[in-house]
Structure formats: C-alpha cells, structure tokens
Amino acid sequence: MRAALVNSGFAFPHNKRITVNLAPADLPKESGRFDLPIALGILAAEGQLDAARLAQCEFAGELSLAGELRPVRGALALALAVQRSGLDRTLVLPQASAAEAALAGRVRVCGASHLLAVVRALLPGEAAEALATVTAPPAQSAANPPDLRDVRGQAAAKRALEVAAAGGHSLLMVGPPGSGKSMLAQRLPGLLPPMTDDEALAAAALAGLSPGGFDPALWRQRPIRSPHHSASAVALVGGGSPPRPGEISLAHGGVLFLDELPEFPRAALEALREPLETRQITIARAARSALFPAGFQLVAAMNPCPCGWLGAQVSGRSCRCTPEQIARYQGRLSGPLLDRIDLQVEVAAVAPDDLLGQPQGEASADVAARVATARARQIERQGVANAALTAGQIDAVCALDEAANRFLQQAAQRLGWSGRGLHRGLKVARTIADLAGANRIAVAHLAEAMQYRRALPGA
C-alpha cells in the first residue's frame, strides 16, 4: 500500500503510527479488497480528501504496487449487501468488477482503473472529477446451445427429461455406455424456463464468490455444473475457512450433473441428502458457520453394472459381471439417497440401424414451450415448482379422486414406497397432469409417474 501511494504521487506519512480498525474484530478478513479503503482512509486522515464525499461511498478494491485497481471477488454480493442496507451509498469498485456489481440494479456503481481516478473524484471543492456510472450489460443468449433433436431414439428418456424440466425434479439415468445419458443431461438447461430476477441474482452472486468469478456475459443463463467423480464432499457441498460455496451452491437455479454416480466417494453422495430435501446447505466450522442456497436440479447418470454392458445385447456386447458384482456396484447408492431422486429411468442401448435410420426428434424449443406453460401453471397455483412443494401443500395441490387414491395406495404398497417416495411420486404425477393441462391428477398420470420410480436393474 505504501508503494501504491508513493508511485501514484502521494506522500506517505512518515514517523507516524498508523492504526487501521477492521471492525467487527470477530469476523475473519481475507483477500485484498481492503487495500483501496485503507489507502483512502490514510489520505483522508492527512486532509487530502473531502470527508463528506468519502462518507457517501462504499469502496472495495485491490491495489497493485503501481496503484492500479485489480478486480475483487464477490462484487455482486457487495452490491446486494449495499442494497439491503437501505443506505443511499455509491459503490466504487475496480473497473473489471463494476459490470458484475451493476447487475444488482438499484445501486449506483462506479468503476475506476487506478487509485488516482478515485482520489480525483473525492477531492474537495470543484476540483473533483466524478467517476462514470457503470450500467449492467444486456443479457445474452447462449451461442448454439445443444438441441434435443440431436438425440436419436430414447423416446422414454426424452419424456422423463421433459417431466423433470417442467417440475424441477431430480433425475437418474441408468444405461450402458454410449446410450445418450450425457447428451440428454447437457440438453436439460435448454428446456428450463427463463430465470427470474431473484434466481439470476442469487446464482450470479454465488458464482462471484467462486475462484473463477462470474462472467457478466452469462447473466440470466442457468448454470450447469458437472464435477468429476473424484470430487470430495467439501468440493460438492462447500467448506474452507472462511466457508465458501461448493458445486451444489454454484449450481443454484440450474443443473448439477453427476456422471458415473456410483464412482463418487460415498461421503460426497451422502452429503447430497440434506440439500436435496431442504434446498440449502449449512456449513459449520469451528470459527463460524455459513448458510448457502442449494436449489439445484440434480441429474445423474450411471452404468447398470461395473462393466457397463448389462442389458446392452442390441449393441453386440454382453455383460461379464456376476450377480454379486452387480449388486455391490449398485449398492454404492444408498436407499435414502435413491429415495430422494424423483425420476429413475433406464436409457437403453440403441441398435446401430435404429440410430442411423431414425429421423431427428423434436427440437428443444418445442419442448421448452410446453415446459414453460406447465411451469407457469405451477407458479400461478402454488408459487413454486412442483418439486419444491411442502407436505402441507401436497394435500391441497395433489388431491385425488376415489379411483386414483385407491390405485395409488395399491401401487405404493406393492412397490414398497416410503412416505417420502409416496410424496415424490405424487409431485411427479402433478407435473405430468400440468403438462397435459389437467386440473386433477388422474390414474393415467399416476401410472406414468410410477414408471419413473422403478428400481435399478439387477438391484
């Protein structure tokens, strides 16, 4: 900081004791975002700045040795904090971070590239040169997003993907290698409705806290996170000191794709159980705890057996695994975790003749239009997607007539559903009814929902 002030042409106070108070003391401080405020405080104590102008602003920025302002992490979170405070303050940030903070909307954000520009704006009298206000960049659509029409065949899996998108349900796809599981998962974000203002702000603020930061060009685009199966539990749920969001929070408002699901560490998979239920995660450490949103949509894919070729006879490959090996492999997914996954579908292998001979399927835009209509019905009816219905809301929203109620009870008893599984089956049936434009859940909707909660092959 001394070098930044001196190289910018300011005299650093010598032979004086300088005390910087970073209150509150019990809150851990990290990163270089305090460089700019401390430097301005030193200049203000020397009488070189207008204290009244200084009090009207909030500052954050890292200083280089030459006085240049470097970007800071969490710029949008800072702007949202200023907005929630209710104070009429101007947020001054490095130029590289100002566009991200401007997304908050109701906060005046100014950007500067050098310490000198900030000082000129705070000079007393008419010598001050105001900083330019930064506006938020316009939202951009993803360039050439993956289209669902590229997936040949797999009508049942496409239907399950549409149901998952319409109700915000979690999805597990089981099938041999090359059957299209990853292709289907990559096309789910293109089926989801546009993000609301609150969803976009929360997702962007969380991304800004990550090491990679947030790219304003991705504003209002639903995130998709696909961590490698070697990821630890801390990488998935978050952690560190101070706690930082993990992959499940960085996927908030979007899709979390876990390929090769049984290959993830058992502790990492079991850590997903709470956020799948509560849509948030509490990270508790010795020094402090933090609560992060985790409203992600889980999409997982796995092979049916260790070699992957169980049930793939049409491809000319045969499974070489023993029943014990298959049961052990599928047993890596615990019952409580599977019970929290709404849809569990089989993605069968497609014969080469069918793969090359079939025409292109329905485009993502057509499916997305049906999804948007069904999601709009849900928001108008209960304010949230069907996957987020509480137990109290289910009784009011998922009312059944006598025939449907009798059918559900018989099927749930035969299939051995738990109470959670019964509720999740009802939510899926409600989404299917919404896609059909029906006001009440019929037996046909329940029957289709049951097809999406079948046990794993060989389990």
Protein backbone atom coordinates (compact mmCIF):
# COMPACT_ATOMS: atom_id res chain seq x y z
CA MET A 1 0.00 0.00 0.00
CA ARG A 2 2.90 2.31 0.74
CA ALA A 3 4.29 1.60 -2.73
CA ALA A 4 0.89 2.19 -4.37
CA LEU A 5 0.53 5.60 -2.71
CA VAL A 6 4.09 6.70 -3.41
CA ASN A 7 4.03 5.53 -7.04
CA SER A 8 0.74 7.39 -7.52
CA GLY A 9 2.38 10.65 -6.46
CA PHE A 10 1.13 10.88 -2.87
CA ALA A 11 3.26 11.42 0.20
CA PHE A 12 3.07 8.52 2.66
CA PRO A 13 3.05 9.77 6.26
CA HIS A 14 6.43 9.02 7.88
CA ASN A 15 7.31 8.88 11.56
CA LYS A 16 3.65 8.44 12.42
CA ARG A 17 1.83 5.49 13.88
CA ILE A 18 -0.98 4.30 11.56
CA THR A 19 -3.77 2.20 13.08
CA VAL A 20 -6.37 0.59 10.82
CA ASN A 21 -9.52 -0.65 12.53
CA LEU A 22 -11.25 -3.51 10.63
CA ALA A 23 -14.41 -3.94 12.67
CA PRO A 24 -16.02 -6.17 13.74
CA ALA A 25 -12.97 -7.96 15.09
CA ASP A 26 -14.60 -11.41 15.33
CA LEU A 27 -15.35 -11.54 11.57
CA PRO A 28 -12.42 -13.07 9.64
CA LYS A 29 -10.97 -10.78 6.95
CA GLU A 30 -9.39 -12.07 3.76
CA SER A 31 -8.37 -11.03 0.23
CA GLY A 32 -7.04 -7.65 -0.87
CA ARG A 33 -10.38 -5.87 -1.20
CA PHE A 34 -9.50 -3.66 1.78
CA ASP A 35 -6.48 -2.08 0.02
CA LEU A 36 -8.45 0.74 -1.60
CA PRO A 37 -10.48 1.69 1.52
CA ILE A 38 -7.34 1.70 3.70
CA ALA A 39 -5.42 3.85 1.21
CA LEU A 40 -8.30 6.33 1.02
CA GLY A 41 -8.53 6.39 4.80
CA ILE A 42 -4.86 7.33 5.07
CA LEU A 43 -5.30 10.14 2.56
CA ALA A 44 -8.44 11.36 4.35
CA ALA A 45 -6.61 11.41 7.68
CA GLU A 46 -3.99 13.62 6.02
CA GLY A 47 -6.73 16.03 4.90
CA GLN A 48 -6.23 15.40 1.19
CA LEU A 49 -9.81 14.19 0.55
CA ASP A 50 -13.30 15.58 1.13
CA ALA A 51 -14.66 13.65 4.13
CA ALA A 52 -18.27 14.38 3.14
CA ARG A 53 -17.82 12.82 -0.31
CA LEU A 54 -15.98 9.92 1.24
CA ALA A 55 -18.89 9.17 3.58
CA GLN A 56 -21.30 8.85 0.64
CA CYS A 57 -19.47 5.91 -0.90
CA GLU A 58 -18.54 2.29 -0.24
CA PHE A 59 -15.17 1.10 -1.58
CA ALA A 60 -13.56 -2.23 -2.39
CA GLY A 61 -10.51 -2.97 -4.49
CA GLU A 62 -7.06 -4.49 -4.52
CA LEU A 63 -4.09 -2.19 -5.26
CA SER A 64 -1.08 -3.11 -7.31
CA LEU A 65 2.34 -1.65 -6.49
CA ALA A 66 1.76 0.95 -9.21
CA GLY A 67 -1.65 1.97 -7.85
CA GLU A 68 -3.78 0.12 -10.40
CA LEU A 69 -7.06 -1.35 -9.20
CA ARG A 70 -7.42 -5.11 -9.56
CA PRO A 71 -10.75 -6.97 -9.59
CA VAL A 72 -12.22 -8.36 -6.38
CA ARG A 73 -14.24 -11.48 -5.75
CA GLY A 74 -17.93 -11.21 -4.85
CA ALA A 75 -18.66 -7.81 -6.41
CA LEU A 76 -22.35 -8.60 -6.92
CA ALA A 77 -22.66 -9.83 -3.34
CA LEU A 78 -21.23 -6.49 -2.18
CA ALA A 79 -23.78 -4.59 -4.26
CA LEU A 80 -26.64 -6.68 -2.88
CA ALA A 81 -25.41 -6.03 0.66
CA VAL A 82 -25.42 -2.26 -0.01
CA GLN A 83 -28.91 -2.57 -1.46
CA ARG A 84 -30.24 -4.49 1.55
CA SER A 85 -28.72 -1.95 3.95
CA GLY A 86 -31.13 0.70 2.67
CA LEU A 87 -28.40 3.36 2.69
CA ASP A 88 -28.04 5.77 -0.21
CA ARG A 89 -24.41 4.92 -1.00
CA THR A 90 -22.40 4.75 -4.21
CA LEU A 91 -20.35 1.59 -4.63
CA VAL A 92 -16.88 2.24 -6.08
CA LEU A 93 -15.13 -0.82 -7.47
CA PRO A 94 -12.34 -1.71 -9.90
CA GLN A 95 -13.44 -1.33 -13.49
CA ALA A 96 -13.19 -5.09 -14.07
CA SER A 97 -15.67 -5.79 -11.25
CA ALA A 98 -18.10 -2.90 -11.72
CA ALA A 99 -20.16 -4.52 -14.50
CA GLU A 100 -20.88 -7.52 -12.30
CA ALA A 101 -21.98 -5.33 -9.38
CA ALA A 102 -24.22 -3.25 -11.66
CA LEU A 103 -26.44 -6.30 -12.16
CA ALA A 104 -27.93 -5.61 -8.72
CA GLY A 105 -29.96 -2.86 -10.36
CA ARG A 106 -30.93 -0.39 -7.61
CA VAL A 107 -27.39 0.54 -6.52
CA ARG A 108 -25.26 3.21 -8.21
CA VAL A 109 -21.96 1.59 -9.18
CA CYS A 110 -18.88 3.45 -10.37
CA GLY A 111 -15.74 1.88 -11.77
CA ALA A 112 -12.13 3.05 -11.72
CA SER A 113 -8.94 1.60 -13.12
CA HIS A 114 -6.43 3.48 -10.93
CA LEU A 115 -6.18 4.93 -7.44
CA LEU A 116 -5.69 8.40 -8.94
CA ALA A 117 -9.13 8.31 -10.57
CA VAL A 118 -10.80 7.56 -7.23
CA VAL A 119 -8.84 10.29 -5.45
CA ARG A 120 -9.77 12.88 -8.09
CA ALA A 121 -13.46 12.07 -7.52
CA LEU A 122 -13.04 12.74 -3.78
CA LEU A 123 -11.10 15.99 -3.92
CA PRO A 124 -12.64 18.93 -2.06
CA GLY A 125 -14.38 21.75 -3.91
CA GLU A 126 -14.76 21.98 -7.67
CA ALA A 127 -11.52 20.13 -8.34
CA ALA A 128 -13.35 16.79 -8.09
CA GLU A 129 -13.79 14.75 -11.30
CA ALA A 130 -16.81 12.45 -10.94
CA LEU A 131 -16.48 8.79 -11.85
CA ALA A 132 -18.67 7.43 -14.62
CA THR A 133 -21.62 5.27 -13.61
CA VAL A 134 -21.41 1.67 -14.85
CA THR A 135 -24.54 0.03 -16.28
CA ALA A 136 -25.30 -3.67 -16.37
CA PRO A 137 -24.56 -5.46 -19.65
CA PRO A 138 -27.57 -6.82 -21.57
CA ALA A 139 -28.41 -10.50 -21.19
CA GLN A 140 -27.04 -12.71 -23.94
CA SER A 141 -28.41 -15.98 -25.18
CA ALA A 142 -26.14 -19.00 -25.27
CA ALA A 143 -24.46 -19.44 -28.64
CA ASN A 144 -25.62 -22.65 -30.36
CA PRO A 145 -26.91 -24.46 -27.25
CA PRO A 146 -27.22 -28.27 -27.51
CA ASP A 147 -30.55 -29.23 -29.10
CA LEU A 148 -32.68 -32.17 -28.06
CA ARG A 149 -33.28 -33.09 -31.70
CA ASP A 150 -29.70 -34.37 -31.89
CA VAL A 151 -30.61 -37.32 -29.64
CA ARG A 152 -31.95 -40.15 -31.83
CA GLY A 153 -34.44 -42.54 -30.30
CA GLN A 154 -34.76 -42.68 -26.48
CA ALA A 155 -38.39 -41.52 -26.50
CA ALA A 156 -38.94 -42.63 -22.89
CA ALA A 157 -35.81 -40.84 -21.65
CA LYS A 158 -36.76 -37.66 -23.51
CA ARG A 159 -40.19 -37.75 -21.93
CA ALA A 160 -38.61 -38.15 -18.48
CA LEU A 161 -36.34 -35.19 -19.24
CA GLU A 162 -39.38 -33.08 -20.15
CA VAL A 163 -41.16 -34.05 -16.94
CA ALA A 164 -38.03 -33.26 -14.91
CA ALA A 165 -37.70 -29.83 -16.55
CA ALA A 166 -41.38 -29.00 -16.10
CA GLY A 167 -41.48 -29.74 -12.37
CA GLY A 168 -37.85 -29.15 -11.35
CA HIS A 169 -37.45 -32.82 -10.41
CA SER A 170 -34.20 -34.70 -9.87
CA LEU A 171 -33.39 -37.39 -12.43
CA LEU A 172 -31.23 -40.52 -12.51
CA MET A 173 -30.49 -42.17 -15.86
CA VAL A 174 -29.22 -45.76 -15.93
CA GLY A 175 -27.85 -47.26 -19.11
CA PRO A 176 -24.83 -48.75 -20.89
CA PRO A 177 -22.01 -46.59 -22.27
CA GLY A 178 -22.89 -44.57 -25.34
CA SER A 179 -26.65 -44.76 -24.90
CA GLY A 180 -27.03 -40.95 -24.71
CA LYS A 181 -27.16 -40.20 -20.98
CA SER A 182 -24.67 -37.34 -21.11
CA MET A 183 -26.26 -35.89 -24.25
CA LEU A 184 -29.64 -35.80 -22.56
CA ALA A 185 -28.24 -34.16 -19.42
CA GLN A 186 -26.46 -31.45 -21.41
CA ARG A 187 -29.74 -30.50 -23.09
CA LEU A 188 -31.74 -30.06 -19.89
CA PRO A 189 -30.76 -26.37 -19.32
CA GLY A 190 -32.18 -25.55 -22.74
CA LEU A 191 -35.57 -26.89 -21.67
CA LEU A 192 -35.84 -24.92 -18.44
CA PRO A 193 -37.86 -21.68 -18.23
CA PRO A 194 -36.05 -18.31 -18.12
CA MET A 195 -34.60 -17.34 -14.77
CA THR A 196 -36.48 -14.89 -12.56
CA ASP A 197 -34.72 -11.80 -11.21
CA ASP A 198 -34.21 -13.37 -7.78
CA GLU A 199 -32.86 -16.61 -9.26
CA ALA A 200 -30.49 -14.76 -11.58
CA LEU A 201 -29.15 -12.51 -8.81
CA ALA A 202 -28.63 -15.41 -6.39
CA ALA A 203 -26.88 -17.57 -9.00
CA ALA A 204 -24.64 -14.70 -10.14
CA ALA A 205 -23.74 -13.71 -6.57
CA LEU A 206 -22.75 -17.29 -5.71
CA ALA A 207 -20.70 -17.59 -8.90
CA GLY A 208 -18.94 -14.35 -7.99
CA LEU A 209 -17.76 -15.92 -4.73
CA SER A 210 -16.10 -18.83 -6.56
CA PRO A 211 -12.41 -18.76 -7.57
CA GLY A 212 -13.37 -18.42 -11.23
CA GLY A 213 -15.68 -15.47 -10.57
CA PHE A 214 -18.79 -14.57 -12.52
CA ASP A 215 -18.81 -13.67 -16.20
CA PRO A 216 -21.43 -10.93 -16.82
CA ALA A 217 -21.90 -12.36 -20.32
CA LEU A 218 -23.56 -15.38 -18.66
CA TRP A 219 -26.18 -13.21 -16.96
CA ARG A 220 -29.60 -14.95 -16.80
CA GLN A 221 -28.20 -18.20 -18.19
CA ARG A 222 -28.91 -21.17 -15.98
CA PRO A 223 -25.67 -22.66 -14.66
CA ILE A 224 -24.73 -26.27 -15.29
CA ARG A 225 -22.02 -27.80 -13.11
CA SER A 226 -20.52 -31.20 -13.85
CA PRO A 227 -17.78 -32.04 -11.32
CA HIS A 228 -15.54 -35.06 -11.89
CA HIS A 229 -16.38 -38.18 -9.92
CA SER A 230 -13.17 -37.76 -7.91
CA ALA A 231 -14.64 -34.63 -6.26
CA SER A 232 -14.64 -34.70 -2.47
CA ALA A 233 -17.55 -33.96 -0.16
CA VAL A 234 -16.09 -30.50 0.57
CA ALA A 235 -15.88 -29.74 -3.14
CA LEU A 236 -19.55 -30.63 -3.56
CA VAL A 237 -21.15 -29.00 -0.52
CA GLY A 238 -18.55 -26.29 0.18
CA GLY A 239 -16.20 -25.59 3.04
CA GLY A 240 -12.90 -23.98 3.90
CA SER A 241 -12.12 -21.11 6.22
CA PRO A 242 -13.98 -18.88 5.74
CA PRO A 243 -16.63 -21.22 4.25
CA ARG A 244 -17.09 -20.96 0.50
CA PRO A 245 -19.91 -22.37 -1.66
CA GLY A 246 -19.40 -25.75 -3.30
CA GLU A 247 -20.67 -27.21 -6.54
CA ILE A 248 -24.22 -27.67 -5.29
CA SER A 249 -24.50 -23.97 -4.45
CA LEU A 250 -22.78 -22.88 -7.66
CA ALA A 251 -25.50 -24.87 -9.47
CA HIS A 252 -28.24 -22.94 -7.65
CA GLY A 253 -31.03 -22.18 -10.11
CA GLY A 254 -29.50 -24.57 -12.66
CA VAL A 255 -28.38 -28.14 -13.14
CA LEU A 256 -25.89 -30.27 -11.23
CA PHE A 257 -24.82 -33.17 -13.47
CA LEU A 258 -23.08 -36.07 -11.77
CA ASP A 259 -21.81 -38.56 -14.33
CA GLU A 260 -20.68 -42.01 -13.19
CA LEU A 261 -22.66 -41.52 -9.98
CA PRO A 262 -21.51 -44.70 -8.14
CA GLU A 263 -17.86 -43.69 -8.65
CA PHE A 264 -18.22 -40.63 -6.39
CA PRO A 265 -16.98 -41.07 -2.80
CA ARG A 266 -19.69 -42.37 -0.51
CA ALA A 267 -19.31 -39.39 1.83
CA ALA A 268 -19.83 -36.98 -1.07
CA LEU A 269 -23.02 -38.72 -2.18
CA GLU A 270 -24.47 -38.89 1.30
CA ALA A 271 -23.79 -35.16 1.72
CA LEU A 272 -26.34 -34.52 -1.04
CA ARG A 273 -29.22 -35.88 1.02
CA GLU A 274 -29.88 -32.75 3.10
CA PRO A 275 -29.73 -30.16 0.27
CA LEU A 276 -31.91 -32.35 -1.95
CA GLU A 277 -34.57 -32.11 0.76
CA THR A 278 -34.14 -28.57 2.09
CA ARG A 279 -32.65 -26.80 -0.99
CA GLN A 280 -29.99 -25.17 1.18
CA ILE A 281 -26.78 -26.21 2.92
CA THR A 282 -25.35 -25.16 6.27
CA ILE A 283 -21.55 -25.37 6.52
CA ALA A 284 -20.42 -25.37 10.15
CA ARG A 285 -16.78 -24.93 11.11
CA ALA A 286 -15.05 -24.23 14.41
CA ALA A 287 -14.72 -20.50 13.76
CA ARG A 288 -18.07 -19.81 12.07
CA SER A 289 -20.92 -21.27 10.06
CA ALA A 290 -22.46 -20.18 6.77
CA LEU A 291 -25.78 -20.88 5.07
CA PHE A 292 -25.74 -21.13 1.26
CA PRO A 293 -28.70 -21.72 -1.06
CA ALA A 294 -28.65 -25.03 -2.92
CA GLY A 295 -31.73 -25.02 -5.12
CA PHE A 296 -30.12 -27.14 -7.81
CA GLN A 297 -31.71 -29.72 -10.08
CA LEU A 298 -29.81 -32.97 -9.81
CA VAL A 299 -29.27 -35.01 -12.98
CA ALA A 300 -27.17 -38.14 -12.53
CA ALA A 301 -26.05 -40.89 -14.86
CA MET A 302 -24.61 -44.33 -14.19
CA ASN A 303 -23.91 -47.66 -15.80
CA PRO A 304 -26.06 -50.62 -14.70
CA CYS A 305 -23.04 -52.72 -13.72
CA PRO A 306 -19.23 -52.43 -13.35
CA CYS A 307 -18.52 -53.38 -16.97
CA GLY A 308 -21.45 -51.30 -18.16
CA TRP A 309 -22.96 -53.72 -20.64
CA LEU A 310 -25.83 -55.19 -18.63
CA GLY A 311 -28.90 -55.23 -20.89
CA ALA A 312 -26.96 -53.98 -23.96
CA GLN A 313 -27.41 -57.04 -26.17
CA VAL A 314 -28.51 -54.92 -29.16
CA SER A 315 -25.02 -53.44 -29.31
CA GLY A 316 -23.41 -56.85 -29.58
CA ARG A 317 -21.81 -56.66 -26.15
CA SER A 318 -22.64 -58.94 -23.25
CA CYS A 319 -22.25 -58.35 -19.53
CA ARG A 320 -19.45 -60.29 -17.83
CA CYS A 321 -20.31 -59.26 -14.25
CA THR A 322 -21.55 -61.69 -11.64
CA PRO A 323 -24.80 -61.00 -9.75
CA GLU A 324 -22.73 -60.24 -6.65
CA GLN A 325 -20.65 -57.67 -8.51
CA ILE A 326 -23.78 -56.01 -9.92
CA ALA A 327 -25.43 -55.85 -6.51
CA ARG A 328 -22.26 -54.47 -4.91
CA TYR A 329 -21.90 -51.84 -7.63
CA GLN A 330 -25.49 -50.66 -7.42
CA GLY A 331 -25.31 -50.83 -3.63
CA ARG A 332 -22.90 -47.89 -3.65
CA LEU A 333 -26.03 -45.73 -3.87
CA SER A 334 -27.79 -45.83 -0.54
CA GLY A 335 -31.52 -46.27 -0.20
CA PRO A 336 -32.04 -42.85 1.42
CA LEU A 337 -30.27 -41.14 -1.49
CA LEU A 338 -32.26 -43.01 -4.16
CA ASP A 339 -35.44 -42.24 -2.24
CA ARG A 340 -34.75 -38.53 -2.77
CA ILE A 341 -34.36 -38.82 -6.56
CA ASP A 342 -37.76 -38.24 -8.15
CA LEU A 343 -37.28 -39.92 -11.52
CA GLN A 344 -35.19 -43.04 -12.14
CA VAL A 345 -35.28 -44.14 -15.77
CA GLU A 346 -33.48 -46.67 -17.91
CA VAL A 347 -31.71 -45.38 -21.00
CA ALA A 348 -31.44 -48.49 -23.15
CA ALA A 349 -28.83 -49.07 -25.80
CA VAL A 350 -29.92 -48.21 -29.34
CA ALA A 351 -29.17 -50.57 -32.23
CA PRO A 352 -26.93 -49.10 -34.97
CA ASP A 353 -29.67 -49.46 -37.60
CA ASP A 354 -32.13 -47.51 -35.47
CA LEU A 355 -29.53 -44.91 -34.56
CA LEU A 356 -28.64 -44.15 -38.19
CA GLY A 357 -32.07 -44.67 -39.70
CA GLN A 358 -34.26 -42.65 -37.38
CA PRO A 359 -35.07 -39.03 -38.26
CA GLN A 360 -34.28 -36.14 -35.96
CA GLY A 361 -36.60 -35.80 -32.99
CA GLU A 362 -38.46 -32.86 -31.53
CA ALA A 363 -36.50 -29.62 -31.12
CA SER A 364 -35.66 -28.22 -27.72
CA ALA A 365 -37.66 -25.06 -28.45
CA ASP A 366 -40.89 -27.03 -28.87
CA VAL A 367 -40.35 -28.99 -25.66
CA ALA A 368 -39.31 -25.83 -23.80
CA ALA A 369 -42.60 -24.17 -24.78
CA ARG A 370 -44.60 -26.98 -23.15
CA VAL A 371 -42.32 -26.86 -20.11
CA ALA A 372 -42.80 -23.10 -19.74
CA THR A 373 -46.59 -23.47 -19.92
CA ALA A 374 -46.62 -26.20 -17.27
CA ARG A 375 -44.23 -24.27 -15.01
CA ALA A 376 -46.40 -21.15 -15.34
CA ARG A 377 -49.41 -23.17 -14.14
CA GLN A 378 -47.45 -24.26 -11.08
CA ILE A 379 -46.24 -20.77 -10.20
CA GLU A 380 -49.75 -19.37 -10.56
CA ARG A 381 -51.22 -22.16 -8.45
CA GLN A 382 -48.75 -22.53 -5.57
CA GLY A 383 -45.90 -20.06 -6.19
CA VAL A 384 -43.16 -22.71 -6.58
CA ALA A 385 -42.33 -25.61 -8.88
CA ASN A 386 -43.88 -28.96 -8.02
CA ALA A 387 -40.57 -30.38 -6.81
CA ALA A 388 -40.46 -27.72 -4.06
CA LEU A 389 -43.94 -28.47 -2.69
CA THR A 390 -44.08 -28.93 1.07
CA ALA A 391 -46.03 -31.70 2.79
CA GLY A 392 -48.82 -29.28 3.64
CA GLN A 393 -49.09 -28.05 0.06
CA ILE A 394 -49.27 -31.58 -1.34
CA ASP A 395 -52.62 -32.20 0.35
CA ALA A 396 -54.12 -29.12 -1.31
CA VAL A 397 -52.44 -29.32 -4.72
CA CYS A 398 -52.34 -33.10 -5.32
CA ALA A 399 -55.91 -34.00 -4.37
CA LEU A 400 -57.06 -37.35 -5.80
CA ASP A 401 -60.46 -38.74 -6.59
CA GLU A 402 -61.54 -42.11 -5.17
CA ALA A 403 -60.32 -44.20 -8.11
CA ALA A 404 -56.91 -42.51 -8.25
CA ASN A 405 -56.49 -42.72 -4.48
CA ARG A 406 -57.25 -46.46 -4.48
CA PHE A 407 -54.85 -47.04 -7.37
CA LEU A 408 -52.05 -45.11 -5.62
CA GLN A 409 -52.45 -46.98 -2.36
CA GLN A 410 -52.33 -50.37 -4.04
CA ALA A 411 -49.31 -49.46 -6.15
CA ALA A 412 -47.38 -47.89 -3.26
CA GLN A 413 -47.96 -50.97 -1.10
CA ARG A 414 -46.91 -53.33 -3.89
CA LEU A 415 -43.78 -51.32 -4.72
CA GLY A 416 -42.83 -50.72 -1.09
CA TRP A 417 -42.67 -46.94 -1.29
CA SER A 418 -41.69 -44.94 1.77
CA GLY A 419 -43.62 -41.87 2.86
CA ARG A 420 -41.09 -39.69 1.07
CA GLY A 421 -41.32 -41.84 -2.05
CA LEU A 422 -45.11 -41.56 -2.00
CA HIS A 423 -44.95 -37.77 -1.79
CA ARG A 424 -42.37 -37.54 -4.56
CA GLY A 425 -44.46 -39.81 -6.76
CA LEU A 426 -47.42 -37.50 -6.21
CA LYS A 427 -45.33 -34.47 -7.17
CA VAL A 428 -44.24 -36.14 -10.41
CA ALA A 429 -47.86 -37.10 -11.19
CA ARG A 430 -48.88 -33.48 -10.57
CA THR A 431 -46.24 -32.34 -13.09
CA ILE A 432 -47.47 -34.85 -15.67
CA ALA A 433 -51.01 -33.55 -15.17
CA ASP A 434 -49.76 -29.98 -15.64
CA LEU A 435 -48.09 -30.94 -18.92
CA ALA A 436 -51.41 -32.41 -20.03
CA GLY A 437 -53.31 -29.30 -18.93
CA ALA A 438 -55.39 -31.28 -16.41
CA ASN A 439 -56.70 -29.74 -13.21
CA ARG A 440 -56.77 -33.02 -11.28
CA ILE A 441 -54.42 -35.98 -11.14
CA ALA A 442 -55.87 -38.98 -12.98
CA VAL A 443 -54.98 -42.65 -12.83
CA ALA A 444 -53.06 -42.34 -16.11
CA HIS A 445 -50.85 -39.61 -14.61
CA LEU A 446 -50.12 -41.76 -11.55
CA ALA A 447 -49.32 -44.79 -13.72
CA GLU A 448 -46.78 -42.82 -15.73
CA ALA A 449 -45.22 -41.40 -12.57
CA MET A 450 -44.75 -44.92 -11.20
CA GLN A 451 -42.82 -45.91 -14.31
CA TYR A 452 -40.25 -43.28 -13.35
CA ARG A 453 -39.55 -44.73 -9.90
CA ARG A 454 -38.56 -48.25 -10.79
CA ALA A 455 -35.70 -49.98 -9.01
CA LEU A 456 -32.33 -50.22 -10.68
CA PRO A 457 -31.91 -53.26 -12.97
CA GLY A 458 -30.39 -56.09 -11.03
CA ALA A 459 -30.74 -54.32 -7.68
